[in-house]
Amino acid sequence: MPYISRDEAGRITGVSDRPEGGAGEEIASDHPELMRFLADEGLSSPSALRQLLAESDLKMVRLVDDLVDLLLDKGVITFTDLPQAAGEKYLQRQAARKRLQAVADLMVGEKDII
């Protein structure tokens, strides 16, 4: 069963799969109040939840890229500190980002000409 948190007015403000972070009230998964909250949040179907998770994953990947860049730039870690597989993936993403930026720069240049 899910656990919910509520605001001072008694409205559901969050849902969790365990009783933590203020979500301590257990509620039935099919409770109408929970269903309304999920619908209002755009989370009323498994596909909506998968879409939200996929969007979050993409943002987290970018965050990790930026974090690794920052750690390398500040000298906190060196590239050789990364496990080999992680280093290879990092280089592949960096190359892909550079290619994408080059294509984007060309397209902006073309619009400027027109």
C-alpha atoms as a PDB file:
ATOM      1  CA  MET A   1       0.000   0.000   0.000  1.00  0.00           C
ATOM      2  CA  PRO A   2       1.187   3.534  -0.669  1.00  0.00           C
ATOM      3  CA  TYR A   3       1.892   6.116   2.001  1.00  0.00           C
ATOM      4  CA  ILE A   4       0.795   9.724   1.690  1.00  0.00           C
ATOM      5  CA  SER A   5       1.632  13.084   3.199  1.00  0.00           C
ATOM      6  CA  ARG A   6      -0.929  15.816   3.709  1.00  0.00           C
ATOM      7  CA  ASP A   7      -0.890  19.578   4.089  1.00  0.00           C
ATOM      8  CA  GLU A   8      -2.499  21.478   6.966  1.00  0.00           C
ATOM      9  CA  ALA A   9      -5.852  21.420   5.178  1.00  0.00           C
ATOM     10  CA  GLY A  10      -5.732  17.624   4.897  1.00  0.00           C
ATOM     11  CA  ARG A  11      -5.053  17.513   1.140  1.00  0.00           C
ATOM     12  CA  ILE A  12      -2.647  14.912  -0.198  1.00  0.00           C
ATOM     13  CA  THR A  13       0.687  16.506  -1.101  1.00  0.00           C
ATOM     14  CA  GLY A  14       2.862  13.466  -1.799  1.00  0.00           C
ATOM     15  CA  VAL A  15       2.944   9.715  -2.221  1.00  0.00           C
ATOM     16  CA  SER A  16       5.645   7.201  -1.337  1.00  0.00           C
ATOM     17  CA  ASP A  17       6.054   3.456  -1.316  1.00  0.00           C
ATOM     18  CA  ARG A  18       7.344   3.549   2.287  1.00  0.00           C
ATOM     19  CA  PRO A  19       6.606   5.603   5.394  1.00  0.00           C
ATOM     20  CA  GLU A  20       9.312   8.263   5.225  1.00  0.00           C
ATOM     21  CA  GLY A  21       9.824  11.946   4.584  1.00  0.00           C
ATOM     22  CA  GLY A  22       6.443  12.956   5.985  1.00  0.00           C
ATOM     23  CA  ALA A  23       4.568  10.277   4.078  1.00  0.00           C
ATOM     24  CA  GLY A  24       3.409   8.215   7.022  1.00  0.00           C
ATOM     25  CA  GLU A  25      -0.279   7.661   6.417  1.00  0.00           C
ATOM     26  CA  GLU A  26      -1.080   4.395   4.701  1.00  0.00           C
ATOM     27  CA  ILE A  27      -3.871   4.536   2.114  1.00  0.00           C
ATOM     28  CA  ALA A  28      -5.480   2.009  -0.221  1.00  0.00           C
ATOM     29  CA  SER A  29      -4.038   2.132  -3.744  1.00  0.00           C
ATOM     30  CA  ASP A  30      -7.514   2.550  -5.202  1.00  0.00           C
ATOM     31  CA  HIS A  31      -8.725   5.143  -2.689  1.00  0.00           C
ATOM     32  CA  PRO A  32     -10.678   7.859  -4.568  1.00  0.00           C
ATOM     33  CA  GLU A  33      -8.743  10.677  -2.896  1.00  0.00           C
ATOM     34  CA  LEU A  34      -5.443   9.142  -4.009  1.00  0.00           C
ATOM     35  CA  MET A  35      -6.796   8.599  -7.527  1.00  0.00           C
ATOM     36  CA  ARG A  36      -7.797  12.304  -7.718  1.00  0.00           C
ATOM     37  CA  PHE A  37      -4.365  13.402  -6.500  1.00  0.00           C
ATOM     38  CA  LEU A  38      -2.599  11.219  -9.076  1.00  0.00           C
ATOM     39  CA  ALA A  39      -4.877  12.464 -11.855  1.00  0.00           C
ATOM     40  CA  ASP A  40      -4.272  16.088 -10.849  1.00  0.00           C
ATOM     41  CA  GLU A  41      -0.522  15.422 -10.940  1.00  0.00           C
ATOM     42  CA  GLY A  42      -0.802  13.770 -14.365  1.00  0.00           C
ATOM     43  CA  LEU A  43       0.170  10.403 -12.886  1.00  0.00           C
ATOM     44  CA  SER A  44      -3.050   8.489 -13.308  1.00  0.00           C
ATOM     45  CA  SER A  45      -1.766   5.781 -15.637  1.00  0.00           C
ATOM     46  CA  PRO A  46       1.280   3.527 -15.816  1.00  0.00           C
ATOM     47  CA  SER A  47       2.249   5.091 -19.162  1.00  0.00           C
ATOM     48  CA  ALA A  48       2.152   8.585 -17.617  1.00  0.00           C
ATOM     49  CA  LEU A  49       4.353   7.362 -14.785  1.00  0.00           C
ATOM     50  CA  ARG A  50       6.786   5.751 -17.249  1.00  0.00           C
ATOM     51  CA  GLN A  51       6.924   8.978 -19.246  1.00  0.00           C
ATOM     52  CA  LEU A  52       7.640  10.995 -16.097  1.00  0.00           C
ATOM     53  CA  LEU A  53      10.379   8.568 -15.100  1.00  0.00           C
ATOM     54  CA  ALA A  54      11.925   8.637 -18.583  1.00  0.00           C
ATOM     55  CA  GLU A  55      12.000  12.446 -18.534  1.00  0.00           C
ATOM     56  CA  SER A  56      13.571  12.350 -15.089  1.00  0.00           C
ATOM     57  CA  ASP A  57      16.174   9.826 -16.280  1.00  0.00           C
ATOM     58  CA  LEU A  58      17.216  12.115 -19.129  1.00  0.00           C
ATOM     59  CA  LYS A  59      17.622  15.025 -16.740  1.00  0.00           C
ATOM     60  CA  MET A  60      19.651  12.883 -14.348  1.00  0.00           C
ATOM     61  CA  VAL A  61      21.971  11.752 -17.154  1.00  0.00           C
ATOM     62  CA  ARG A  62      22.655  15.389 -18.033  1.00  0.00           C
ATOM     63  CA  LEU A  63      23.194  16.184 -14.356  1.00  0.00           C
ATOM     64  CA  VAL A  64      25.730  13.359 -14.034  1.00  0.00           C
ATOM     65  CA  ASP A  65      27.497  14.559 -17.204  1.00  0.00           C
ATOM     66  CA  ASP A  66      27.760  18.055 -15.774  1.00  0.00           C
ATOM     67  CA  LEU A  67      28.872  16.757 -12.389  1.00  0.00           C
ATOM     68  CA  VAL A  68      31.660  14.648 -13.913  1.00  0.00           C
ATOM     69  CA  ASP A  69      32.740  17.663 -16.002  1.00  0.00           C
ATOM     70  CA  LEU A  70      32.859  19.818 -12.883  1.00  0.00           C
ATOM     71  CA  LEU A  71      34.821  17.261 -10.854  1.00  0.00           C
ATOM     72  CA  LEU A  72      37.315  16.830 -13.697  1.00  0.00           C
ATOM     73  CA  ASP A  73      37.658  20.592 -14.253  1.00  0.00           C
ATOM     74  CA  LYS A  74      38.284  21.242 -10.558  1.00  0.00           C
ATOM     75  CA  GLY A  75      40.800  18.406 -10.355  1.00  0.00           C
ATOM     76  CA  VAL A  76      38.800  16.542  -7.722  1.00  0.00           C
ATOM     77  CA  ILE A  77      39.033  13.434  -9.895  1.00  0.00           C
ATOM     78  CA  THR A  78      41.007  12.537 -12.977  1.00  0.00           C
ATOM     79  CA  PHE A  79      39.676  10.735 -15.999  1.00  0.00           C
ATOM     80  CA  THR A  80      41.728   7.672 -15.051  1.00  0.00           C
ATOM     81  CA  ASP A  81      39.868   7.514 -11.708  1.00  0.00           C
ATOM     82  CA  LEU A  82      36.747   6.460 -13.607  1.00  0.00           C
ATOM     83  CA  PRO A  83      36.173   2.750 -14.180  1.00  0.00           C
ATOM     84  CA  GLN A  84      37.022   1.847 -17.771  1.00  0.00           C
ATOM     85  CA  ALA A  85      33.398   1.266 -18.822  1.00  0.00           C
ATOM     86  CA  ALA A  86      32.307   4.570 -17.258  1.00  0.00           C
ATOM     87  CA  GLY A  87      35.154   6.416 -18.966  1.00  0.00           C
ATOM     88  CA  GLU A  88      34.214   4.953 -22.344  1.00  0.00           C
ATOM     89  CA  LYS A  89      30.559   5.935 -21.885  1.00  0.00           C
ATOM     90  CA  TYR A  90      31.594   9.398 -20.776  1.00  0.00           C
ATOM     91  CA  LEU A  91      33.771   9.863 -23.886  1.00  0.00           C
ATOM     92  CA  GLN A  92      30.974   8.581 -26.146  1.00  0.00           C
ATOM     93  CA  ARG A  93      28.509  11.071 -24.641  1.00  0.00           C
ATOM     94  CA  GLN A  94      31.012  13.917 -24.896  1.00  0.00           C
ATOM     95  CA  ALA A  95      31.614  13.110 -28.574  1.00  0.00           C
ATOM     96  CA  ALA A  96      27.866  12.906 -29.244  1.00  0.00           C
ATOM     97  CA  ARG A  97      27.262  16.225 -27.482  1.00  0.00           C
ATOM     98  CA  LYS A  98      30.020  17.887 -29.551  1.00  0.00           C
ATOM     99  CA  ARG A  99      28.546  16.500 -32.790  1.00  0.00           C
ATOM    100  CA  LEU A 100      25.089  17.702 -31.789  1.00  0.00           C
ATOM    101  CA  GLN A 101      26.446  21.152 -30.958  1.00  0.00           C
ATOM    102  CA  ALA A 102      28.225  21.323 -34.312  1.00  0.00           C
ATOM    103  CA  VAL A 103      24.997  20.454 -36.145  1.00  0.00           C
ATOM    104  CA  ALA A 104      23.060  22.984 -34.072  1.00  0.00           C
ATOM    105  CA  ASP A 105      25.652  25.656 -34.864  1.00  0.00           C
ATOM    106  CA  LEU A 106      25.337  24.918 -38.589  1.00  0.00           C
ATOM    107  CA  MET A 107      21.557  25.171 -38.456  1.00  0.00           C
ATOM    108  CA  VAL A 108      21.682  28.480 -36.611  1.00  0.00           C
ATOM    109  CA  GLY A 109      24.168  29.713 -39.206  1.00  0.00           C
ATOM    110  CA  GLU A 110      21.817  28.725 -42.022  1.00  0.00           C
ATOM    111  CA  LYS A 111      18.897  30.580 -40.431  1.00  0.00           C
ATOM    112  CA  ASP A 112      21.049  33.675 -40.106  1.00  0.00           C
ATOM    113  CA  ILE A 113      21.821  33.556 -43.851  1.00  0.00           C
ATOM    114  CA  ILE A 114      18.181  33.224 -44.884  1.00  0.00           C
END
